[in-house]
Protein backbone atom coordinates (compact mmCIF):
# COMPACT_ATOMS: atom_id res chain seq x y z
CA MET A 1 -9.31 -11.03 108.93
CA GLN A 2 -6.42 -8.70 108.15
CA ARG A 3 -6.44 -9.74 104.50
CA TYR A 4 -10.25 -9.51 104.37
CA VAL A 5 -10.19 -5.91 105.59
CA LYS A 6 -7.51 -5.17 102.95
CA GLY A 7 -9.66 -6.85 100.30
CA THR A 8 -7.09 -9.51 99.32
CA VAL A 9 -9.04 -12.72 100.02
CA SER A 10 -10.43 -15.46 97.79
CA ASP A 11 -14.13 -16.02 97.20
CA GLU A 12 -13.98 -19.04 99.52
CA GLU A 13 -12.41 -17.00 102.28
CA ARG A 14 -14.88 -14.18 101.78
CA GLU A 15 -17.78 -16.61 102.27
CA LYS A 16 -16.12 -18.00 105.40
CA VAL A 17 -15.89 -14.54 106.91
CA ALA A 18 -19.50 -13.80 105.95
CA ARG A 19 -20.67 -16.91 107.82
CA TRP A 20 -18.57 -15.87 110.82
CA LEU A 21 -20.25 -12.43 110.82
CA GLU A 22 -23.69 -14.02 110.81
CA GLU A 23 -22.92 -16.20 113.80
CA ASP A 24 -22.78 -13.50 116.46
CA PRO A 25 -23.47 -9.70 116.58
CA ALA A 26 -20.25 -9.42 118.58
CA ASN A 27 -18.33 -10.58 115.51
CA VAL A 28 -19.80 -7.71 113.48
CA LYS A 29 -18.67 -5.20 116.12
CA GLU A 30 -15.17 -6.67 116.05
CA TYR A 31 -15.05 -6.50 112.29
CA GLN A 32 -16.19 -2.85 112.34
CA SER A 33 -13.49 -1.98 114.87
CA LEU A 34 -10.79 -3.68 112.81
CA HIS A 35 -11.89 -1.87 109.68
CA LYS A 36 -11.76 1.51 111.48
CA LEU A 37 -8.27 0.69 112.70
CA TYR A 38 -7.19 -0.09 109.15
CA ASP A 39 -8.71 3.15 107.84
CA ILE A 40 -6.93 5.15 110.50
CA SER A 41 -3.62 3.43 109.67
CA LEU A 42 -3.96 4.58 106.05
CA TRP A 43 -4.73 8.10 107.17
CA ASN A 44 -1.83 8.00 109.68
CA ASP A 45 0.63 7.04 106.94
CA ALA A 46 -0.77 9.63 104.54
CA CYS A 47 -0.35 12.42 107.08
CA LYS A 48 3.30 11.46 107.49
CA GLY A 49 3.85 11.59 103.73
CA ARG A 50 4.93 7.96 103.58
CA SER A 51 3.76 5.08 101.40
CA ARG A 52 0.77 3.11 102.68
CA THR A 53 2.62 0.51 104.68
CA LEU A 54 0.83 -1.73 107.14
CA SER A 55 3.25 -1.44 110.05
CA PHE A 56 0.71 0.28 112.32
CA THR A 57 -2.04 -2.10 111.26
CA SER A 58 0.15 -5.15 111.91
CA HIS A 59 0.90 -3.88 115.37
CA ILE A 60 -2.82 -3.40 116.04
CA PHE A 61 -3.66 -6.90 114.84
CA LYS A 62 -1.11 -8.35 117.24
CA GLU A 63 -2.90 -6.49 120.01
CA VAL A 64 -6.28 -7.76 118.79
CA VAL A 65 -5.04 -11.34 119.12
CA LYS A 66 -4.24 -10.53 122.75
CA ILE A 67 -7.68 -8.94 123.13
CA ALA A 68 -5.94 -5.64 123.74
CA ALA A 69 -7.05 -3.61 120.74
CA VAL A 70 -8.27 -0.06 121.27
CA LEU A 71 -11.25 1.36 119.46
CA ILE A 72 -10.45 4.28 117.22
CA ILE A 73 -13.60 6.12 116.23
CA GLY A 74 -13.35 8.53 113.33
CA VAL A 75 -16.04 10.91 112.15
CA LEU A 76 -14.90 10.39 108.60
CA GLY A 77 -13.07 7.48 106.95
CA ALA A 78 -9.49 7.47 105.82
CA TYR A 79 -10.34 7.60 102.14
CA TYR A 80 -12.15 10.85 102.65
CA PHE A 81 -9.04 12.33 104.20
CA LEU A 82 -6.88 11.13 101.35
CA SER A 83 -9.11 12.71 98.76
CA LYS A 84 -9.55 15.98 100.71
CA PRO A 85 -6.25 16.56 102.53
CA GLU A 86 -7.25 19.95 103.98
CA THR A 87 -10.35 18.58 105.66
CA VAL A 88 -9.99 18.52 109.42
CA SER A 89 -12.14 16.28 111.59
CA MET A 90 -11.89 15.32 115.25
CA GLN A 91 -10.76 11.78 115.98
CA GLN A 92 -11.20 9.90 119.24
CA LEU A 93 -9.07 7.11 120.71
CA VAL A 94 -10.53 5.13 123.63
CA VAL A 95 -8.42 2.67 125.64
CA PRO A 96 -10.22 -0.20 127.39
CA SER A 97 -9.64 -1.21 131.03
CA GLY A 98 -6.29 -2.88 131.68
CA GLN A 99 -4.78 -1.85 128.34
CA ARG A 100 -2.72 1.01 126.91
CA ALA A 101 -2.20 2.56 123.49
CA GLU A 102 0.43 4.53 121.56
CA LEU A 103 -0.07 6.85 118.60
CA THR A 104 1.69 9.58 116.63
CA LEU A 105 -0.22 12.76 115.85
CA SER A 106 -0.07 14.51 112.49
CA ASP A 107 2.64 16.94 113.72
CA GLY A 108 4.96 14.11 114.89
CA THR A 109 4.01 14.33 118.58
CA LYS A 110 3.99 10.92 120.26
CA VAL A 111 1.34 10.03 122.83
CA TRP A 112 0.96 7.06 125.13
CA LEU A 113 -2.44 6.51 126.77
CA ASN A 114 -3.02 4.55 129.94
CA SER A 115 -5.96 2.31 130.81
CA ARG A 116 -9.48 3.82 130.49
CA SER A 117 -8.16 7.00 128.85
CA ASN A 118 -9.74 8.97 126.04
CA LEU A 119 -7.95 11.34 123.67
CA LYS A 120 -9.63 13.65 121.16
CA PHE A 121 -7.41 15.09 118.45
CA PRO A 122 -7.78 16.64 114.98
CA SER A 123 -6.87 14.74 111.85
CA LYS A 124 -4.52 17.64 111.05
CA PHE A 125 -3.38 20.64 113.06
CA LEU A 126 -4.34 23.93 111.39
CA GLY A 127 -4.04 27.45 112.79
CA LYS A 128 -1.77 28.77 115.51
CA LEU A 129 -2.52 26.17 118.20
CA ARG A 130 -2.13 22.41 118.30
CA GLN A 131 -4.86 21.36 120.69
CA VAL A 132 -6.03 17.96 122.03
CA GLU A 133 -8.42 16.93 124.79
CA LEU A 134 -7.48 14.28 127.37
CA ASP A 135 -9.69 12.38 129.83
CA GLY A 136 -7.45 9.95 131.67
CA GLU A 137 -3.69 9.58 131.77
CA GLY A 138 -1.32 10.38 128.94
CA TYR A 139 2.42 10.64 128.39
CA PHE A 140 3.36 13.20 125.70
CA MET A 141 6.54 13.73 123.72
CA VAL A 142 5.63 16.95 121.91
CA LYS A 143 7.27 17.86 118.60
CA GLN A 144 8.79 21.29 119.07
CA ASN A 145 7.27 24.16 117.10
CA ALA A 146 7.63 27.58 118.71
CA LYS A 147 5.16 29.16 116.27
CA HIS A 148 2.41 26.64 117.13
CA PRO A 149 2.16 25.87 120.88
CA PHE A 150 0.72 22.53 121.89
CA ILE A 151 -2.27 22.56 124.30
CA VAL A 152 -3.59 19.61 126.32
CA LYS A 153 -7.08 20.38 127.66
CA THR A 154 -8.40 18.42 130.65
CA ASN A 155 -11.57 18.83 132.70
CA ARG A 156 -9.58 20.86 135.26
CA TYR A 157 -6.56 22.58 133.75
CA ASP A 158 -5.05 23.41 130.38
CA ILE A 159 -1.38 22.56 129.78
CA ARG A 160 0.57 24.69 127.32
CA VAL A 161 3.89 23.51 125.85
CA LEU A 162 6.25 24.26 122.98
CA GLY A 163 8.29 21.07 122.84
CA THR A 164 8.70 18.85 125.85
CA GLU A 165 8.11 15.51 127.57
CA PHE A 166 5.50 15.21 130.33
CA ASN A 167 2.83 13.06 131.97
CA VAL A 168 -0.74 14.11 132.76
CA LYS A 169 -3.22 12.29 134.96
CA ALA A 170 -6.74 13.74 134.87
CA TYR A 171 -9.63 11.26 134.90
CA SER A 172 -12.98 13.06 134.79
CA ASN A 173 -14.61 10.56 137.16
CA THR A 174 -12.10 11.37 139.93
CA HIS A 175 -11.02 14.52 141.77
CA TYR A 176 -7.32 13.87 141.14
CA PHE A 177 -5.10 15.90 138.84
CA GLU A 178 -1.36 15.56 138.36
CA ALA A 179 1.08 16.88 135.74
CA SER A 180 4.73 15.80 135.79
CA LEU A 181 7.47 17.37 133.68
CA LEU A 182 10.44 15.31 132.56
CA LYS A 183 11.92 17.58 129.88
CA GLY A 184 11.32 21.15 128.67
CA SER A 185 8.69 23.38 130.32
CA ILE A 186 4.91 23.50 130.67
CA GLU A 187 2.40 26.00 131.97
CA LEU A 188 -0.84 25.15 133.80
CA SER A 189 -3.81 27.49 133.63
CA GLY A 190 -7.53 27.46 134.42
CA MET A 191 -9.58 26.11 137.35
CA GLY A 192 -9.45 29.37 139.27
CA LEU A 193 -5.67 29.92 139.04
CA SER A 194 -4.86 33.61 139.32
CA SER A 195 -1.74 33.10 137.23
CA ALA A 196 -0.20 30.29 135.18
CA VAL A 197 1.86 27.72 137.07
CA LEU A 198 5.23 27.05 135.40
CA LEU A 199 6.93 23.69 135.88
CA LYS A 200 10.63 22.99 135.58
CA PRO A 201 12.09 19.56 134.65
CA ASP A 202 11.72 16.88 137.34
CA GLU A 203 8.80 18.70 138.98
CA LYS A 204 5.17 17.68 139.30
CA ALA A 205 2.02 19.66 140.06
CA VAL A 206 -0.77 18.05 142.07
CA GLN A 207 -4.21 19.45 142.84
CA ILE A 208 -4.80 19.49 146.61
CA GLY A 209 -8.15 21.00 147.45
CA ASN A 210 -8.49 24.07 145.27
CA LYS A 211 -4.75 24.66 145.07
CA ILE A 212 -1.90 23.41 142.89
CA VAL A 213 1.12 22.17 144.87
CA VAL A 214 4.44 21.82 143.06
CA SER A 215 7.10 19.38 144.30
CA ALA A 216 9.97 17.22 143.04
CA ILE A 217 9.16 13.96 141.27
CA PRO A 218 10.00 11.32 143.87
CA ASP A 219 10.36 8.30 141.61
CA PHE A 220 10.63 8.14 137.83
CA ASN A 221 9.84 4.41 137.75
CA TYR A 222 6.15 5.23 137.86
CA TYR A 223 6.23 6.35 134.21
CA GLN A 224 7.01 2.80 133.13
CA TRP A 225 3.27 2.48 132.67
CA LYS A 226 3.76 3.65 129.08
CA ASP A 227 5.83 0.46 128.58
CA GLY A 228 3.03 -1.63 130.12
CA ILE A 229 4.49 -1.80 133.64
CA PHE A 230 2.42 -0.80 136.72
CA TYR A 231 5.04 0.30 139.28
CA PHE A 232 4.22 1.32 142.84
CA SER A 233 6.54 2.21 145.71
CA ASN A 234 5.83 2.71 149.43
CA GLU A 235 2.11 3.30 148.86
CA THR A 236 -0.77 2.89 151.28
CA ILE A 237 -3.33 0.28 150.48
CA GLU A 238 -5.90 3.04 149.92
CA ASP A 239 -3.77 4.76 147.24
CA LEU A 240 -2.95 1.47 145.58
CA ILE A 241 -6.55 0.27 145.47
CA ASN A 242 -7.62 3.64 144.07
CA LYS A 243 -5.26 3.19 141.11
CA LEU A 244 -6.35 -0.39 140.54
CA GLU A 245 -10.01 0.70 140.50
CA ILE A 246 -9.25 3.38 137.91
CA TYR A 247 -7.12 1.20 135.64
CA TYR A 248 -9.39 -1.85 135.72
CA ASP A 249 -12.82 -0.18 136.10
CA VAL A 250 -13.74 -2.31 139.11
CA LYS A 251 -14.97 -1.63 142.67
CA ILE A 252 -12.69 -3.00 145.43
CA VAL A 253 -13.95 -3.41 148.99
CA ILE A 254 -11.44 -4.10 151.75
CA HIS A 255 -12.64 -6.00 154.81
CA ASN A 256 -9.12 -6.98 155.97
CA LYS A 257 -8.17 -3.94 158.05
CA THR A 258 -4.65 -5.28 158.79
CA LEU A 259 -3.65 -4.29 155.25
CA SER A 260 -3.84 -0.62 156.29
CA ASP A 261 -0.88 -1.11 158.63
CA SER A 262 1.65 -1.56 155.83
CA ARG A 263 2.95 0.19 152.75
CA TYR A 264 3.38 -1.59 149.45
CA SER A 265 5.96 -1.73 146.67
CA GLY A 266 6.13 -3.82 143.54
CA LYS A 267 5.40 -3.97 139.82
CA PHE A 268 3.52 -6.06 137.28
CA ARG A 269 2.36 -5.84 133.70
CA ILE A 270 -0.86 -3.91 133.32
CA ASN A 271 -2.40 -6.26 130.77
CA ASP A 272 -1.94 -9.26 133.09
CA GLY A 273 -5.15 -8.10 134.79
CA ILE A 274 -6.45 -7.17 138.22
CA GLU A 275 -6.51 -10.69 139.58
CA HIS A 276 -2.79 -11.17 138.75
CA ALA A 277 -2.04 -7.87 140.55
CA LEU A 278 -3.81 -9.08 143.69
CA LYS A 279 -1.96 -12.39 143.54
CA VAL A 280 1.34 -10.47 143.44
CA LEU A 281 0.28 -8.69 146.62
CA GLN A 282 -0.63 -12.00 148.24
CA LEU A 283 3.00 -13.10 148.01
CA SER A 284 3.89 -10.84 150.90
CA ASN A 285 0.50 -10.26 152.55
CA LYS A 286 -2.07 -12.59 154.06
CA PHE A 287 -5.50 -12.03 152.51
CA THR A 288 -8.02 -13.68 150.23
CA PHE A 289 -10.28 -12.10 147.61
CA THR A 290 -13.42 -12.94 145.71
CA LYS A 291 -14.78 -11.36 142.54
CA ASP A 292 -18.44 -10.85 141.77
CA ASP A 293 -18.75 -10.40 138.00
CA ASP A 294 -22.43 -9.36 138.24
CA SER A 295 -21.69 -6.32 140.43
CA ASN A 296 -18.13 -5.90 139.10
CA THR A 297 -16.83 -5.89 142.67
CA ILE A 298 -13.80 -7.48 144.33
CA VAL A 299 -13.92 -8.14 148.10
CA ILE A 300 -10.64 -8.51 149.99
CA ASN A 301 -10.84 -10.45 153.27
């Protein structure tokens, strides 16, 4: 499939792929997604001024084999960008449940996106501001440029930075917002704030009610999610279940009330799935669970 998308297959191989596409509409959707990923990889390399290598594409194809590919939806194809370098169009990267993604923006800023996150970004930053839109959780390593501040817009607050490293959690389908600063400085504005909230390194800002509360980051292990590790420490079952529901897009109902008497710590790989996570918890807790695929619900007894 990788060689087919590149156009380096034999006639016999081309016919084989054509038959595969006719077998199932799902195969057509997969092909379209792979082709978009390949187009974006060409554009990504062109924006960095490098030769058209396939390093990004190869990484994506490895993820596809693991059924972990993200869908990158571009308004215009890569060849259009290459022929008209000053054209700017919004791109969108969507991460499926239980997966994560990593990309480098045109200015060199690196972004990691957690499960069920959505990032909108321009094909090229023009003007005074470098602005992106986040729905979900993202970890940013912003390329410093004092003349062109970097803005992360969420459904609640805007985050303004010059060059720094920080984490943002702002899913539009929840009422939770959190911004954590690891290096540099960031400012939060919007959502009724009378003045911008400035964070210093090792601080986090959490929305509680209609207020922003700033405190020290209690545990930096949490940010291992960008490496594919879901880490939790001394959490209530309610907080833990809330995160699992967000990451895996599933409804979890707890009938076993004894689980509320304890706090939970542990870690597992995000792409191992929700059922693996629950089995990890079963190692130190007595409960059973059933999953109803029709209603997308897990019941814990």
